[in-house]
Amino acid sequence: MMPGAAEDPILRMLAELPPPAPRSDRTDRVRTRCHKAFARRQRKQMRRRSAAALAVDAACFLVLGVYLAGVITEALRLGLLAH
């Protein structure tokens, strides 16, 4: 600080100002927007998880179907050979 700055009335008035703080209505609006954004993101992630779970289930049923078809085919082949 420069000499004589303590006596400067402008600097004294600036030092007496309250610290800056957002207005409560603005804080509420920002908080509401953030909550809505988080909710949208969570819904999107849930839809992605649902689609992925459906794809895994479909793949499992397909593999099971192919396996069962092979088992039935083999059982019929062995049955026809036994006669």
PDB file of N, CA and C in Angstrom:
ATOM      1  N   MET A   1       0.832  -1.165   0.000  1.00  0.00           N
ATOM      2  CA  MET A   1       0.000   0.000   0.000  1.00  0.00           C
ATOM      3  C   MET A   1       0.884   1.238   0.000  1.00  0.00           C
ATOM      4  N   MET A   2       0.395   2.235  -0.656  1.00  0.00           N
ATOM      5  CA  MET A   2       1.178   3.473  -0.732  1.00  0.00           C
ATOM      6  C   MET A   2       0.982   4.293   0.538  1.00  0.00           C
ATOM      7  N   PRO A   3       1.977   5.124   0.878  1.00  0.00           N
ATOM      8  CA  PRO A   3       1.803   5.988   2.049  1.00  0.00           C
ATOM      9  C   PRO A   3       0.623   6.931   1.836  1.00  0.00           C
ATOM     10  N   GLY A   4      -0.186   7.082   2.843  1.00  0.00           N
ATOM     11  CA  GLY A   4      -1.331   7.967   2.764  1.00  0.00           C
ATOM     12  C   GLY A   4      -2.581   7.285   2.234  1.00  0.00           C
ATOM     13  N   ALA A   5      -2.484   5.998   1.857  1.00  0.00           N
ATOM     14  CA  ALA A   5      -3.639   5.293   1.310  1.00  0.00           C
ATOM     15  C   ALA A   5      -4.679   5.037   2.398  1.00  0.00           C
ATOM     16  N   ALA A   6      -4.245   4.936   3.642  1.00  0.00           N
ATOM     17  CA  ALA A   6      -5.183   4.688   4.732  1.00  0.00           C
ATOM     18  C   ALA A   6      -6.113   5.877   4.926  1.00  0.00           C
ATOM     19  N   GLU A   7      -5.683   7.085   4.559  1.00  0.00           N
ATOM     20  CA  GLU A   7      -6.515   8.267   4.724  1.00  0.00           C
ATOM     21  C   GLU A   7      -7.412   8.517   3.510  1.00  0.00           C
ATOM     22  N   ASP A   8      -7.245   7.771   2.465  1.00  0.00           N
ATOM     23  CA  ASP A   8      -8.029   7.985   1.254  1.00  0.00           C
ATOM     24  C   ASP A   8      -9.494   7.626   1.527  1.00  0.00           C
ATOM     25  N   PRO A   9     -10.433   8.570   1.358  1.00  0.00           N
ATOM     26  CA  PRO A   9     -11.835   8.310   1.669  1.00  0.00           C
ATOM     27  C   PRO A   9     -12.459   7.251   0.759  1.00  0.00           C
ATOM     28  N   ILE A  10     -12.048   7.175  -0.478  1.00  0.00           N
ATOM     29  CA  ILE A  10     -12.618   6.172  -1.394  1.00  0.00           C
ATOM     30  C   ILE A  10     -12.211   4.773  -0.954  1.00  0.00           C
ATOM     31  N   LEU A  11     -10.939   4.596  -0.622  1.00  0.00           N
ATOM     32  CA  LEU A  11     -10.492   3.285  -0.159  1.00  0.00           C
ATOM     33  C   LEU A  11     -11.172   2.909   1.155  1.00  0.00           C
ATOM     34  N   ARG A  12     -11.394   3.884   2.032  1.00  0.00           N
ATOM     35  CA  ARG A  12     -12.074   3.613   3.297  1.00  0.00           C
ATOM     36  C   ARG A  12     -13.523   3.171   3.036  1.00  0.00           C
ATOM     37  N   MET A  13     -14.212   3.863   2.101  1.00  0.00           N
ATOM     38  CA  MET A  13     -15.586   3.480   1.768  1.00  0.00           C
ATOM     39  C   MET A  13     -15.639   2.096   1.123  1.00  0.00           C
ATOM     40  N   LEU A  14     -14.681   1.807   0.264  1.00  0.00           N
ATOM     41  CA  LEU A  14     -14.633   0.474  -0.357  1.00  0.00           C
ATOM     42  C   LEU A  14     -14.404  -0.616   0.682  1.00  0.00           C
ATOM     43  N   ALA A  15     -13.582  -0.332   1.667  1.00  0.00           N
ATOM     44  CA  ALA A  15     -13.307  -1.321   2.713  1.00  0.00           C
ATOM     45  C   ALA A  15     -14.541  -1.579   3.571  1.00  0.00           C
ATOM     46  N   GLU A  16     -15.445  -0.606   3.666  1.00  0.00           N
ATOM     47  CA  GLU A  16     -16.640  -0.757   4.495  1.00  0.00           C
ATOM     48  C   GLU A  16     -17.779  -1.455   3.762  1.00  0.00           C
ATOM     49  N   LEU A  17     -17.644  -1.673   2.461  1.00  0.00           N
ATOM     50  CA  LEU A  17     -18.706  -2.345   1.702  1.00  0.00           C
ATOM     51  C   LEU A  17     -18.861  -3.789   2.167  1.00  0.00           C
ATOM     52  N   PRO A  18     -20.091  -4.295   2.176  1.00  0.00           N
ATOM     53  CA  PRO A  18     -20.281  -5.709   2.529  1.00  0.00           C
ATOM     54  C   PRO A  18     -19.736  -6.595   1.406  1.00  0.00           C
ATOM     55  N   PRO A  19     -19.386  -7.811   1.734  1.00  0.00           N
ATOM     56  CA  PRO A  19     -18.883  -8.718   0.694  1.00  0.00           C
ATOM     57  C   PRO A  19     -20.002  -9.015  -0.314  1.00  0.00           C
ATOM     58  N   PRO A  20     -19.661  -9.242  -1.567  1.00  0.00           N
ATOM     59  CA  PRO A  20     -20.684  -9.512  -2.577  1.00  0.00           C
ATOM     60  C   PRO A  20     -21.359 -10.860  -2.315  1.00  0.00           C
ATOM     61  N   ALA A  21     -22.663 -10.871  -2.456  1.00  0.00           N
ATOM     62  CA  ALA A  21     -23.437 -12.101  -2.283  1.00  0.00           C
ATOM     63  C   ALA A  21     -24.587 -12.084  -3.283  1.00  0.00           C
ATOM     64  N   PRO A  22     -24.920 -13.232  -3.851  1.00  0.00           N
ATOM     65  CA  PRO A  22     -26.031 -13.267  -4.808  1.00  0.00           C
ATOM     66  C   PRO A  22     -27.362 -13.045  -4.095  1.00  0.00           C
ATOM     67  N   ARG A  23     -28.329 -12.519  -4.847  1.00  0.00           N
ATOM     68  CA  ARG A  23     -29.655 -12.330  -4.281  1.00  0.00           C
ATOM     69  C   ARG A  23     -30.298 -13.697  -4.069  1.00  0.00           C
ATOM     70  N   SER A  24     -31.156 -13.793  -3.083  1.00  0.00           N
ATOM     71  CA  SER A  24     -31.750 -15.087  -2.752  1.00  0.00           C
ATOM     72  C   SER A  24     -32.635 -15.608  -3.877  1.00  0.00           C
ATOM     73  N   ASP A  25     -33.348 -14.724  -4.598  1.00  0.00           N
ATOM     74  CA  ASP A  25     -34.193 -15.207  -5.695  1.00  0.00           C
ATOM     75  C   ASP A  25     -33.339 -15.784  -6.826  1.00  0.00           C
ATOM     76  N   ARG A  26     -32.189 -15.176  -7.077  1.00  0.00           N
ATOM     77  CA  ARG A  26     -31.292 -15.714  -8.106  1.00  0.00           C
ATOM     78  C   ARG A  26     -30.719 -17.060  -7.663  1.00  0.00           C
ATOM     79  N   THR A  27     -30.370 -17.152  -6.405  1.00  0.00           N
ATOM     80  CA  THR A  27     -29.857 -18.418  -5.873  1.00  0.00           C
ATOM     81  C   THR A  27     -30.893 -19.516  -6.031  1.00  0.00           C
ATOM     82  N   ASP A  28     -32.135 -19.198  -5.739  1.00  0.00           N
ATOM     83  CA  ASP A  28     -33.205 -20.198  -5.878  1.00  0.00           C
ATOM     84  C   ASP A  28     -33.392 -20.617  -7.336  1.00  0.00           C
ATOM     85  N   ARG A  29     -33.323 -19.664  -8.264  1.00  0.00           N
ATOM     86  CA  ARG A  29     -33.473 -20.003  -9.683  1.00  0.00           C
ATOM     87  C   ARG A  29     -32.338 -20.907 -10.148  1.00  0.00           C
ATOM     88  N   VAL A  30     -31.128 -20.586  -9.755  1.00  0.00           N
ATOM     89  CA  VAL A  30     -29.977 -21.405 -10.151  1.00  0.00           C
ATOM     90  C   VAL A  30     -30.093 -22.801  -9.557  1.00  0.00           C
ATOM     91  N   ARG A  31     -30.480 -22.875  -8.311  1.00  0.00           N
ATOM     92  CA  ARG A  31     -30.634 -24.178  -7.645  1.00  0.00           C
ATOM     93  C   ARG A  31     -31.711 -25.005  -8.361  1.00  0.00           C
ATOM     94  N   THR A  32     -32.824 -24.381  -8.720  1.00  0.00           N
ATOM     95  CA  THR A  32     -33.896 -25.092  -9.415  1.00  0.00           C
ATOM     96  C   THR A  32     -33.420 -25.593 -10.778  1.00  0.00           C
ATOM     97  N   ARG A  33     -32.705 -24.752 -11.527  1.00  0.00           N
ATOM     98  CA  ARG A  33     -32.180 -25.183 -12.824  1.00  0.00           C
ATOM     99  C   ARG A  33     -31.225 -26.359 -12.678  1.00  0.00           C
ATOM    100  N   CYS A  34     -30.390 -26.321 -11.665  1.00  0.00           N
ATOM    101  CA  CYS A  34     -29.434 -27.409 -11.439  1.00  0.00           C
ATOM    102  C   CYS A  34     -30.164 -28.711 -11.102  1.00  0.00           C
ATOM    103  N   HIS A  35     -31.174 -28.628 -10.253  1.00  0.00           N
ATOM    104  CA  HIS A  35     -31.932 -29.833  -9.895  1.00  0.00           C
ATOM    105  C   HIS A  35     -32.624 -30.421 -11.126  1.00  0.00           C
ATOM    106  N   LYS A  36     -33.172 -29.554 -11.985  1.00  0.00           N
ATOM    107  CA  LYS A  36     -33.820 -30.045 -13.200  1.00  0.00           C
ATOM    108  C   LYS A  36     -32.801 -30.703 -14.126  1.00  0.00           C
ATOM    109  N   ALA A  37     -31.626 -30.115 -14.249  1.00  0.00           N
ATOM    110  CA  ALA A  37     -30.582 -30.689 -15.105  1.00  0.00           C
ATOM    111  C   ALA A  37     -30.129 -32.044 -14.574  1.00  0.00           C
ATOM    112  N   PHE A  38     -29.969 -32.152 -13.266  1.00  0.00           N
ATOM    113  CA  PHE A  38     -29.585 -33.440 -12.674  1.00  0.00           C
ATOM    114  C   PHE A  38     -30.668 -34.491 -12.906  1.00  0.00           C
ATOM    115  N   ALA A  39     -31.932 -34.103 -12.775  1.00  0.00           N
ATOM    116  CA  ALA A  39     -33.036 -35.040 -12.983  1.00  0.00           C
ATOM    117  C   ALA A  39     -33.068 -35.512 -14.441  1.00  0.00           C
ATOM    118  N   ARG A  40     -32.859 -34.585 -15.405  1.00  0.00           N
ATOM    119  CA  ARG A  40     -32.823 -34.974 -16.818  1.00  0.00           C
ATOM    120  C   ARG A  40     -31.688 -35.962 -17.080  1.00  0.00           C
ATOM    121  N   ARG A  41     -30.529 -35.674 -16.524  1.00  0.00           N
ATOM    122  CA  ARG A  41     -29.380 -36.558 -16.725  1.00  0.00           C
ATOM    123  C   ARG A  41     -29.649 -37.948 -16.137  1.00  0.00           C
ATOM    124  N   GLN A  42     -30.278 -37.981 -14.967  1.00  0.00           N
ATOM    125  CA  GLN A  42     -30.570 -39.265 -14.333  1.00  0.00           C
ATOM    126  C   GLN A  42     -31.592 -40.059 -15.158  1.00  0.00           C
ATOM    127  N   ARG A  43     -32.621 -39.381 -15.692  1.00  0.00           N
ATOM    128  CA  ARG A  43     -33.610 -40.082 -16.527  1.00  0.00           C
ATOM    129  C   ARG A  43     -32.950 -40.646 -17.777  1.00  0.00           C
ATOM    130  N   LYS A  44     -32.054 -39.859 -18.380  1.00  0.00           N
ATOM    131  CA  LYS A  44     -31.368 -40.314 -19.587  1.00  0.00           C
ATOM    132  C   LYS A  44     -30.508 -41.545 -19.285  1.00  0.00           C
ATOM    133  N   GLN A  45     -29.807 -41.526 -18.153  1.00  0.00           N
ATOM    134  CA  GLN A  45     -28.981 -42.673 -17.779  1.00  0.00           C
ATOM    135  C   GLN A  45     -29.837 -43.899 -17.509  1.00  0.00           C
ATOM    136  N   MET A  46     -31.009 -43.707 -16.900  1.00  0.00           N
ATOM    137  CA  MET A  46     -31.896 -44.838 -16.630  1.00  0.00           C
ATOM    138  C   MET A  46     -32.401 -45.441 -17.940  1.00  0.00           C
ATOM    139  N   ARG A  47     -32.731 -44.589 -18.927  1.00  0.00           N
ATOM    140  CA  ARG A  47     -33.179 -45.109 -20.218  1.00  0.00           C
ATOM    141  C   ARG A  47     -32.059 -45.895 -20.890  1.00  0.00           C
ATOM    142  N   ARG A  48     -30.825 -45.379 -20.794  1.00  0.00           N
ATOM    143  CA  ARG A  48     -29.691 -46.098 -21.383  1.00  0.00           C
ATOM    144  C   ARG A  48     -29.496 -47.443 -20.717  1.00  0.00           C
ATOM    145  N   ARG A  49     -29.609 -47.465 -19.395  1.00  0.00           N
ATOM    146  CA  ARG A  49     -29.454 -48.738 -18.676  1.00  0.00           C
ATOM    147  C   ARG A  49     -30.558 -49.703 -19.069  1.00  0.00           C
ATOM    148  N   SER A  50     -31.776 -49.212 -19.242  1.00  0.00           N
ATOM    149  CA  SER A  50     -32.893 -50.073 -19.619  1.00  0.00           C
ATOM    150  C   SER A  50     -32.649 -50.676 -20.997  1.00  0.00           C
ATOM    151  N   ALA A  51     -32.185 -49.875 -21.941  1.00  0.00           N
ATOM    152  CA  ALA A  51     -31.915 -50.373 -23.282  1.00  0.00           C
ATOM    153  C   ALA A  51     -30.782 -51.396 -23.253  1.00  0.00           C
ATOM    154  N   ALA A  52     -29.757 -51.148 -22.470  1.00  0.00           N
ATOM    155  CA  ALA A  52     -28.639 -52.089 -22.376  1.00  0.00           C
ATOM    156  C   ALA A  52     -29.092 -53.398 -21.738  1.00  0.00           C
ATOM    157  N   ALA A  53     -29.919 -53.311 -20.701  1.00  0.00           N
ATOM    158  CA  ALA A  53     -30.417 -54.521 -20.044  1.00  0.00           C
ATOM    159  C   ALA A  53     -31.276 -55.328 -21.007  1.00  0.00           C
ATOM    160  N   LEU A  54     -32.093 -54.650 -21.807  1.00  0.00           N
ATOM    161  CA  LEU A  54     -32.931 -55.334 -22.791  1.00  0.00           C
ATOM    162  C   LEU A  54     -32.063 -56.045 -23.828  1.00  0.00           C
ATOM    163  N   ALA A  55     -31.000 -55.406 -24.279  1.00  0.00           N
ATOM    164  CA  ALA A  55     -30.101 -56.012 -25.265  1.00  0.00           C
ATOM    165  C   ALA A  55     -29.412 -57.249 -24.692  1.00  0.00           C
ATOM    166  N   VAL A  56     -28.993 -57.184 -23.431  1.00  0.00           N
ATOM    167  CA  VAL A  56     -28.349 -58.336 -22.793  1.00  0.00           C
ATOM    168  C   VAL A  56     -29.348 -59.479 -22.651  1.00  0.00           C
ATOM    169  N   ASP A  57     -30.572 -59.162 -22.244  1.00  0.00           N
ATOM    170  CA  ASP A  57     -31.601 -60.201 -22.117  1.00  0.00           C
ATOM    171  C   ASP A  57     -31.886 -60.861 -23.468  1.00  0.00           C
ATOM    172  N   ALA A  58     -31.998 -60.062 -24.516  1.00  0.00           N
ATOM    173  CA  ALA A  58     -32.271 -60.603 -25.849  1.00  0.00           C
ATOM    174  C   ALA A  58     -31.127 -61.511 -26.305  1.00  0.00           C
ATOM    175  N   ALA A  59     -29.901 -61.104 -26.053  1.00  0.00           N
ATOM    176  CA  ALA A  59     -28.746 -61.922 -26.433  1.00  0.00           C
ATOM    177  C   ALA A  59     -28.746 -63.248 -25.670  1.00  0.00           C
ATOM    178  N   CYS A  60     -29.085 -63.200 -24.393  1.00  0.00           N
ATOM    179  CA  CYS A  60     -29.137 -64.437 -23.591  1.00  0.00           C
ATOM    180  C   CYS A  60     -30.214 -65.378 -24.112  1.00  0.00           C
ATOM    181  N   PHE A  61     -31.394 -64.852 -24.437  1.00  0.00           N
ATOM    182  CA  PHE A  61     -32.463 -65.696 -24.969  1.00  0.00           C
ATOM    183  C   PHE A  61     -32.082 -66.288 -26.318  1.00  0.00           C
ATOM    184  N   LEU A  62     -31.395 -65.523 -27.136  1.00  0.00           N
ATOM    185  CA  LEU A  62     -30.956 -66.022 -28.437  1.00  0.00           C
ATOM    186  C   LEU A  62     -29.972 -67.173 -28.261  1.00  0.00           C
ATOM    187  N   VAL A  63     -28.989 -67.003 -27.394  1.00  0.00           N
ATOM    188  CA  VAL A  63     -28.008 -68.066 -27.146  1.00  0.00           C
ATOM    189  C   VAL A  63     -28.704 -69.302 -26.575  1.00  0.00           C
ATOM    190  N   LEU A  64     -29.613 -69.095 -25.648  1.00  0.00           N
ATOM    191  CA  LEU A  64     -30.349 -70.222 -25.062  1.00  0.00           C
ATOM    192  C   LEU A  64     -31.177 -70.936 -26.122  1.00  0.00           C
ATOM    193  N   GLY A  65     -31.825 -70.178 -27.012  1.00  0.00           N
ATOM    194  CA  GLY A  65     -32.627 -70.783 -28.077  1.00  0.00           C
ATOM    195  C   GLY A  65     -31.779 -71.618 -29.018  1.00  0.00           C
ATOM    196  N   VAL A  66     -30.613 -71.095 -29.407  1.00  0.00           N
ATOM    197  CA  VAL A  66     -29.715 -71.853 -30.291  1.00  0.00           C
ATOM    198  C   VAL A  66     -29.237 -73.111 -29.589  1.00  0.00           C
ATOM    199  N   TYR A  67     -28.921 -73.001 -28.302  1.00  0.00           N
ATOM    200  CA  TYR A  67     -28.461 -74.167 -27.551  1.00  0.00           C
ATOM    201  C   TYR A  67     -29.563 -75.227 -27.468  1.00  0.00           C
ATOM    202  N   LEU A  68     -30.777 -74.800 -27.144  1.00  0.00           N
ATOM    203  CA  LEU A  68     -31.886 -75.755 -27.039  1.00  0.00           C
ATOM    204  C   LEU A  68     -32.198 -76.396 -28.385  1.00  0.00           C
ATOM    205  N   ALA A  69     -32.103 -75.636 -29.457  1.00  0.00           N
ATOM    206  CA  ALA A  69     -32.314 -76.203 -30.792  1.00  0.00           C
ATOM    207  C   ALA A  69     -31.263 -77.272 -31.075  1.00  0.00           C
ATOM    208  N   GLY A  70     -30.036 -77.029 -30.696  1.00  0.00           N
ATOM    209  CA  GLY A  70     -28.977 -78.031 -30.869  1.00  0.00           C
ATOM    210  C   GLY A  70     -29.226 -79.265 -30.030  1.00  0.00           C
ATOM    211  N   VAL A  71     -29.684 -79.081 -28.801  1.00  0.00           N
ATOM    212  CA  VAL A  71     -29.976 -80.224 -27.921  1.00  0.00           C
ATOM    213  C   VAL A  71     -31.099 -81.067 -28.515  1.00  0.00           C
ATOM    214  N   ILE A  72     -32.143 -80.422 -28.966  1.00  0.00           N
ATOM    215  CA  ILE A  72     -33.291 -81.153 -29.536  1.00  0.00           C
ATOM    216  C   ILE A  72     -32.873 -81.873 -30.816  1.00  0.00           C
ATOM    217  N   THR A  73     -32.112 -81.200 -31.655  1.00  0.00           N
ATOM    218  CA  THR A  73     -31.633 -81.820 -32.890  1.00  0.00           C
ATOM    219  C   THR A  73     -30.778 -83.043 -32.584  1.00  0.00           C
ATOM    220  N   GLU A  74     -29.899 -82.921 -31.628  1.00  0.00           N
ATOM    221  CA  GLU A  74     -29.026 -84.048 -31.262  1.00  0.00           C
ATOM    222  C   GLU A  74     -29.836 -85.188 -30.658  1.00  0.00           C
ATOM    223  N   ALA A  75     -30.813 -84.857 -29.825  1.00  0.00           N
ATOM    224  CA  ALA A  75     -31.662 -85.897 -29.228  1.00  0.00           C
ATOM    225  C   ALA A  75     -32.451 -86.623 -30.308  1.00  0.00           C
ATOM    226  N   LEU A  76     -32.994 -85.912 -31.273  1.00  0.00           N
ATOM    227  CA  LEU A  76     -33.730 -86.565 -32.350  1.00  0.00           C
ATOM    228  C   LEU A  76     -32.792 -87.432 -33.195  1.00  0.00           C
ATOM    229  N   ARG A  77     -31.600 -86.939 -33.478  1.00  0.00           N
ATOM    230  CA  ARG A  77     -30.640 -87.715 -34.266  1.00  0.00           C
ATOM    231  C   ARG A  77     -30.266 -89.002 -33.546  1.00  0.00           C
ATOM    232  N   LEU A  78     -30.012 -88.910 -32.257  1.00  0.00           N
ATOM    233  CA  LEU A  78     -29.658 -90.110 -31.483  1.00  0.00           C
ATOM    234  C   LEU A  78     -30.849 -91.058 -31.383  1.00  0.00           C
ATOM    235  N   GLY A  79     -32.040 -90.494 -31.271  1.00  0.00           N
ATOM    236  CA  GLY A  79     -33.241 -91.320 -31.221  1.00  0.00           C
ATOM    237  C   GLY A  79     -33.483 -92.071 -32.523  1.00  0.00           C
ATOM    238  N   LEU A  80     -33.234 -91.427 -33.632  1.00  0.00           N
ATOM    239  CA  LEU A  80     -33.414 -92.088 -34.930  1.00  0.00           C
ATOM    240  C   LEU A  80     -32.346 -93.129 -35.191  1.00  0.00           C
ATOM    241  N   LEU A  81     -31.143 -92.913 -34.645  1.00  0.00           N
ATOM    242  CA  LEU A  81     -30.074 -93.891 -34.826  1.00  0.00           C
ATOM    243  C   LEU A  81     -30.306 -95.119 -33.971  1.00  0.00           C
ATOM    244  N   ALA A  82     -30.992 -94.980 -32.847  1.00  0.00           N
ATOM    245  CA  ALA A  82     -31.217 -96.106 -31.948  1.00  0.00           C
ATOM    246  C   ALA A  82     -32.225 -97.074 -32.536  1.00  0.00           C
ATOM    247  N   HIS A  83     -33.088 -96.661 -33.406  1.00  0.00           N
ATOM    248  CA  HIS A  83     -34.102 -97.582 -33.955  1.00  0.00           C
ATOM    249  C   HIS A  83     -33.579 -98.345 -35.070  1.00  0.00           C
TER     250      HIS A  83
END
